[in-house]
Amino acid sequence: PSCRIPPCRKKQGTKFLEEDLANIQSQIKRNRQNEKRRLRNRNVRGAARTADNAARKAVAENTPETKASIMTAISVLDKAAEKGVLHKNTVARRKSRLMKALAALTKKSA
């Protein structure tokens, strides 16, 4: 077969863990740590994405809670940058776009 890893050792929806590839103890431990971090980072990144999308949707619909949702998104993005899940420049760019959209809305409604 073209696949070098036996089918019984493949995992559905997850990365390979230590028993799959490494046979050096330090690498087995490193794989275990990386998998834990990946799952933790995935949650933080997903929360940031959800908050960002909710804020952009609120801006598009011009709902009354637009400012609150933007501030929540900014807070979540800052936390993601603090934890190192998202790069600080990525967070700055997203925050800038949200604030620019909010400023355009307030200017338009005033």
N, C-alpha and C. Protein backbone atom coordinates (compact mmCIF):
# COMPACT_ATOMS: atom_id res chain seq x y z
N PRO A 1 0.83 -1.21 0.00
CA PRO A 1 0.00 0.00 0.00
C PRO A 1 0.86 1.26 0.00
N SER A 2 0.27 2.35 -0.44
CA SER A 2 1.01 3.60 -0.53
C SER A 2 1.22 4.25 0.83
N CYS A 3 0.35 3.97 1.77
CA CYS A 3 0.46 4.55 3.11
C CYS A 3 1.40 3.71 3.96
N ARG A 4 2.37 4.36 4.60
CA ARG A 4 3.35 3.62 5.38
C ARG A 4 2.85 3.31 6.79
N ILE A 5 1.84 4.04 7.27
CA ILE A 5 1.30 3.81 8.62
C ILE A 5 0.14 2.82 8.51
N PRO A 6 0.15 1.77 9.29
CA PRO A 6 -0.95 0.80 9.22
C PRO A 6 -2.30 1.47 9.53
N PRO A 7 -3.37 1.05 8.87
CA PRO A 7 -4.68 1.68 9.07
C PRO A 7 -5.17 1.63 10.50
N CYS A 8 -4.77 0.61 11.26
CA CYS A 8 -5.24 0.49 12.63
C CYS A 8 -4.70 1.60 13.52
N ARG A 9 -3.61 2.29 13.09
CA ARG A 9 -3.01 3.32 13.93
C ARG A 9 -3.39 4.72 13.50
N LYS A 10 -4.20 4.85 12.46
CA LYS A 10 -4.63 6.17 12.02
C LYS A 10 -5.71 6.69 12.98
N LYS A 11 -5.71 7.98 13.17
CA LYS A 11 -6.70 8.60 14.07
C LYS A 11 -7.65 9.44 13.24
N GLN A 12 -8.91 9.42 13.60
CA GLN A 12 -9.90 10.22 12.90
C GLN A 12 -10.02 11.58 13.55
N GLY A 13 -9.74 12.65 12.80
CA GLY A 13 -9.95 14.00 13.29
C GLY A 13 -8.92 14.53 14.27
N THR A 14 -7.90 13.79 14.60
CA THR A 14 -6.88 14.29 15.52
C THR A 14 -5.51 14.11 14.89
N LYS A 15 -4.55 14.77 15.46
CA LYS A 15 -3.17 14.60 15.02
C LYS A 15 -2.66 13.27 15.56
N PHE A 16 -1.55 12.83 15.03
CA PHE A 16 -0.94 11.61 15.54
C PHE A 16 -0.32 11.88 16.90
N LEU A 17 -0.49 10.96 17.81
CA LEU A 17 0.07 11.10 19.14
C LEU A 17 1.40 10.38 19.23
N GLU A 18 1.96 10.34 20.44
CA GLU A 18 3.32 9.85 20.62
C GLU A 18 3.53 8.40 20.17
N GLU A 19 2.51 7.55 20.25
CA GLU A 19 2.73 6.16 19.92
C GLU A 19 2.80 5.93 18.41
N ASP A 20 2.49 6.95 17.62
CA ASP A 20 2.42 6.77 16.19
C ASP A 20 3.78 6.89 15.49
N LEU A 21 4.58 7.90 15.86
CA LEU A 21 5.77 8.15 15.08
C LEU A 21 7.05 8.08 15.90
N ALA A 22 7.07 8.73 17.04
CA ALA A 22 8.33 8.87 17.78
C ALA A 22 8.64 7.63 18.61
N ASN A 23 9.95 7.36 18.74
CA ASN A 23 10.35 6.30 19.67
C ASN A 23 11.40 6.83 20.64
N ILE A 24 11.63 8.13 20.65
CA ILE A 24 12.53 8.77 21.61
C ILE A 24 11.68 9.38 22.70
N GLN A 25 12.04 9.15 23.94
CA GLN A 25 11.20 9.54 25.07
C GLN A 25 10.90 11.03 25.09
N SER A 26 11.92 11.85 24.84
CA SER A 26 11.70 13.30 24.88
C SER A 26 10.76 13.74 23.77
N GLN A 27 10.83 13.10 22.62
CA GLN A 27 9.94 13.46 21.52
C GLN A 27 8.52 12.99 21.79
N ILE A 28 8.38 11.86 22.46
CA ILE A 28 7.05 11.37 22.84
C ILE A 28 6.39 12.38 23.77
N LYS A 29 7.16 12.87 24.74
CA LYS A 29 6.63 13.86 25.68
C LYS A 29 6.30 15.16 24.93
N ARG A 30 7.18 15.58 24.04
CA ARG A 30 6.95 16.81 23.27
C ARG A 30 5.68 16.69 22.43
N ASN A 31 5.45 15.54 21.82
CA ASN A 31 4.22 15.32 21.04
C ASN A 31 2.99 15.42 21.91
N ARG A 32 3.08 14.86 23.12
CA ARG A 32 1.96 14.92 24.06
C ARG A 32 1.66 16.36 24.43
N GLN A 33 2.70 17.13 24.72
CA GLN A 33 2.52 18.54 25.09
C GLN A 33 1.95 19.34 23.92
N ASN A 34 2.47 19.09 22.73
CA ASN A 34 1.99 19.82 21.55
C ASN A 34 0.52 19.56 21.29
N GLU A 35 0.09 18.33 21.49
CA GLU A 35 -1.32 17.99 21.26
C GLU A 35 -2.22 18.73 22.26
N LYS A 36 -1.80 18.79 23.53
CA LYS A 36 -2.57 19.52 24.53
C LYS A 36 -2.66 20.99 24.17
N ARG A 37 -1.53 21.56 23.77
CA ARG A 37 -1.49 22.98 23.40
C ARG A 37 -2.35 23.25 22.17
N ARG A 38 -2.28 22.34 21.21
CA ARG A 38 -3.06 22.52 19.99
C ARG A 38 -4.55 22.59 20.29
N LEU A 39 -5.02 21.71 21.17
CA LEU A 39 -6.44 21.71 21.52
C LEU A 39 -6.83 22.96 22.30
N ARG A 40 -5.94 23.39 23.21
CA ARG A 40 -6.20 24.60 23.98
C ARG A 40 -6.24 25.83 23.07
N ASN A 41 -5.26 25.92 22.18
CA ASN A 41 -5.18 27.06 21.26
C ASN A 41 -6.37 27.08 20.30
N ARG A 42 -6.82 25.90 19.93
CA ARG A 42 -7.96 25.80 19.02
C ARG A 42 -9.20 26.44 19.64
N ASN A 43 -9.42 26.21 20.93
CA ASN A 43 -10.57 26.80 21.61
C ASN A 43 -10.47 28.32 21.65
N VAL A 44 -9.30 28.82 21.97
CA VAL A 44 -9.10 30.27 22.06
C VAL A 44 -9.26 30.91 20.69
N ARG A 45 -8.67 30.29 19.68
CA ARG A 45 -8.75 30.83 18.32
C ARG A 45 -10.19 30.81 17.83
N GLY A 46 -10.93 29.75 18.15
CA GLY A 46 -12.34 29.65 17.76
C GLY A 46 -13.19 30.71 18.44
N ALA A 47 -12.92 30.96 19.71
CA ALA A 47 -13.67 32.00 20.43
C ALA A 47 -13.40 33.38 19.83
N ALA A 48 -12.15 33.63 19.46
CA ALA A 48 -11.79 34.91 18.85
C ALA A 48 -12.49 35.07 17.51
N ARG A 49 -12.50 34.02 16.74
CA ARG A 49 -13.15 34.07 15.42
C ARG A 49 -14.65 34.30 15.57
N THR A 50 -15.27 33.61 16.53
CA THR A 50 -16.71 33.76 16.75
C THR A 50 -17.06 35.19 17.18
N ALA A 51 -16.28 35.75 18.10
CA ALA A 51 -16.53 37.11 18.57
C ALA A 51 -16.34 38.11 17.43
N ASP A 52 -15.32 37.91 16.62
CA ASP A 52 -15.06 38.79 15.49
C ASP A 52 -16.21 38.74 14.49
N ASN A 53 -16.66 37.54 14.17
CA ASN A 53 -17.78 37.38 13.23
C ASN A 53 -19.06 37.99 13.77
N ALA A 54 -19.31 37.82 15.06
CA ALA A 54 -20.52 38.39 15.68
C ALA A 54 -20.48 39.92 15.63
N ALA A 55 -19.30 40.48 15.87
CA ALA A 55 -19.16 41.94 15.84
C ALA A 55 -19.37 42.46 14.42
N ARG A 56 -18.78 41.79 13.43
CA ARG A 56 -18.95 42.24 12.05
C ARG A 56 -20.40 42.11 11.60
N LYS A 57 -21.08 41.07 12.07
CA LYS A 57 -22.50 40.89 11.74
C LYS A 57 -23.34 42.00 12.38
N ALA A 58 -23.00 42.35 13.62
CA ALA A 58 -23.73 43.42 14.31
C ALA A 58 -23.53 44.76 13.59
N VAL A 59 -22.32 44.99 13.09
CA VAL A 59 -22.03 46.23 12.34
C VAL A 59 -22.84 46.24 11.05
N ALA A 60 -22.89 45.12 10.36
CA ALA A 60 -23.61 45.04 9.09
C ALA A 60 -25.10 45.26 9.28
N GLU A 61 -25.63 44.74 10.38
CA GLU A 61 -27.07 44.88 10.63
C GLU A 61 -27.41 46.16 11.39
N ASN A 62 -26.39 46.86 11.87
CA ASN A 62 -26.57 48.11 12.63
C ASN A 62 -27.50 47.91 13.82
N THR A 63 -27.24 46.90 14.62
CA THR A 63 -28.06 46.61 15.79
C THR A 63 -27.67 47.53 16.95
N PRO A 64 -28.53 47.69 17.94
CA PRO A 64 -28.22 48.57 19.07
C PRO A 64 -27.01 48.11 19.90
N GLU A 65 -26.79 46.82 19.96
CA GLU A 65 -25.67 46.32 20.77
C GLU A 65 -24.38 46.18 19.96
N THR A 66 -24.25 46.93 18.89
CA THR A 66 -23.06 46.86 18.04
C THR A 66 -21.80 47.22 18.81
N LYS A 67 -21.84 48.33 19.55
CA LYS A 67 -20.64 48.77 20.27
C LYS A 67 -20.23 47.73 21.32
N ALA A 68 -21.21 47.18 22.02
CA ALA A 68 -20.91 46.18 23.04
C ALA A 68 -20.27 44.93 22.42
N SER A 69 -20.79 44.51 21.28
CA SER A 69 -20.23 43.31 20.64
C SER A 69 -18.82 43.57 20.11
N ILE A 70 -18.57 44.80 19.64
CA ILE A 70 -17.22 45.15 19.18
C ILE A 70 -16.25 45.16 20.36
N MET A 71 -16.66 45.72 21.48
CA MET A 71 -15.79 45.76 22.66
C MET A 71 -15.51 44.35 23.17
N THR A 72 -16.51 43.48 23.12
CA THR A 72 -16.31 42.09 23.51
C THR A 72 -15.31 41.41 22.58
N ALA A 73 -15.48 41.64 21.28
CA ALA A 73 -14.56 41.04 20.31
C ALA A 73 -13.13 41.53 20.53
N ILE A 74 -12.97 42.81 20.81
CA ILE A 74 -11.64 43.36 21.06
C ILE A 74 -11.01 42.72 22.29
N SER A 75 -11.80 42.53 23.32
CA SER A 75 -11.31 41.90 24.54
C SER A 75 -10.86 40.46 24.27
N VAL A 76 -11.67 39.72 23.54
CA VAL A 76 -11.34 38.32 23.23
C VAL A 76 -10.09 38.25 22.35
N LEU A 77 -9.99 39.16 21.39
CA LEU A 77 -8.82 39.19 20.52
C LEU A 77 -7.55 39.50 21.32
N ASP A 78 -7.67 40.46 22.25
CA ASP A 78 -6.51 40.81 23.08
C ASP A 78 -6.05 39.63 23.92
N LYS A 79 -7.01 38.88 24.46
CA LYS A 79 -6.66 37.70 25.26
C LYS A 79 -5.97 36.65 24.40
N ALA A 80 -6.42 36.49 23.17
CA ALA A 80 -5.80 35.52 22.26
C ALA A 80 -4.36 35.92 21.95
N ALA A 81 -4.13 37.23 21.78
CA ALA A 81 -2.77 37.72 21.51
C ALA A 81 -1.90 37.55 22.74
N GLU A 82 -2.48 37.79 23.91
CA GLU A 82 -1.74 37.65 25.17
C GLU A 82 -1.26 36.22 25.37
N LYS A 83 -2.11 35.26 24.98
CA LYS A 83 -1.76 33.86 25.14
C LYS A 83 -0.86 33.36 24.02
N GLY A 84 -0.65 34.18 23.01
CA GLY A 84 0.22 33.80 21.92
C GLY A 84 -0.45 32.94 20.87
N VAL A 85 -1.77 32.86 20.91
CA VAL A 85 -2.50 32.05 19.94
C VAL A 85 -2.57 32.78 18.60
N LEU A 86 -2.83 34.07 18.65
CA LEU A 86 -2.83 34.91 17.45
C LEU A 86 -1.68 35.90 17.55
N HIS A 87 -1.10 36.24 16.43
CA HIS A 87 0.00 37.20 16.41
C HIS A 87 -0.54 38.59 16.74
N LYS A 88 0.27 39.38 17.43
CA LYS A 88 -0.19 40.71 17.87
C LYS A 88 -0.55 41.61 16.70
N ASN A 89 0.15 41.48 15.57
CA ASN A 89 -0.18 42.30 14.40
C ASN A 89 -1.51 41.89 13.77
N THR A 90 -1.80 40.61 13.80
CA THR A 90 -3.09 40.12 13.31
C THR A 90 -4.22 40.68 14.15
N VAL A 91 -4.02 40.66 15.46
CA VAL A 91 -5.03 41.18 16.38
C VAL A 91 -5.20 42.69 16.17
N ALA A 92 -4.09 43.39 16.02
CA ALA A 92 -4.15 44.84 15.81
C ALA A 92 -4.92 45.16 14.53
N ARG A 93 -4.67 44.40 13.47
CA ARG A 93 -5.37 44.62 12.20
C ARG A 93 -6.86 44.39 12.35
N ARG A 94 -7.24 43.31 13.01
CA ARG A 94 -8.67 43.01 13.18
C ARG A 94 -9.36 44.06 14.04
N LYS A 95 -8.68 44.48 15.12
CA LYS A 95 -9.25 45.50 15.99
C LYS A 95 -9.42 46.82 15.23
N SER A 96 -8.43 47.15 14.42
CA SER A 96 -8.48 48.37 13.64
C SER A 96 -9.66 48.36 12.69
N ARG A 97 -9.88 47.25 12.04
CA ARG A 97 -11.00 47.16 11.10
C ARG A 97 -12.34 47.27 11.81
N LEU A 98 -12.44 46.66 13.00
CA LEU A 98 -13.68 46.77 13.76
C LEU A 98 -13.94 48.21 14.20
N MET A 99 -12.90 48.87 14.70
CA MET A 99 -13.07 50.25 15.16
C MET A 99 -13.36 51.19 14.00
N LYS A 100 -12.77 50.92 12.86
CA LYS A 100 -13.04 51.73 11.66
C LYS A 100 -14.51 51.59 11.25
N ALA A 101 -15.02 50.36 11.30
CA ALA A 101 -16.42 50.12 10.97
C ALA A 101 -17.35 50.81 11.97
N LEU A 102 -16.98 50.76 13.25
CA LEU A 102 -17.79 51.42 14.28
C LEU A 102 -17.79 52.94 14.08
N ALA A 103 -16.63 53.51 13.76
CA ALA A 103 -16.55 54.95 13.53
C ALA A 103 -17.39 55.36 12.33
N ALA A 104 -17.38 54.56 11.29
CA ALA A 104 -18.19 54.86 10.10
C ALA A 104 -19.67 54.81 10.44
N LEU A 105 -20.05 53.86 11.30
CA LEU A 105 -21.46 53.76 11.70
C LEU A 105 -21.90 54.96 12.51
N THR A 106 -21.08 55.37 13.48
CA THR A 106 -21.46 56.50 14.33
C THR A 106 -21.48 57.78 13.52
N LYS A 107 -20.56 57.92 12.56
CA LYS A 107 -20.54 59.10 11.71
C LYS A 107 -21.79 59.13 10.81
N LYS A 108 -22.18 57.97 10.33
CA LYS A 108 -23.33 57.85 9.46
C LYS A 108 -24.64 58.16 10.19
N SER A 109 -24.75 57.67 11.43
CA SER A 109 -25.98 57.87 12.20
C SER A 109 -26.07 59.27 12.82
N ALA A 110 -24.94 59.94 12.99
CA ALA A 110 -24.93 61.27 13.63
C ALA A 110 -25.29 62.38 12.66
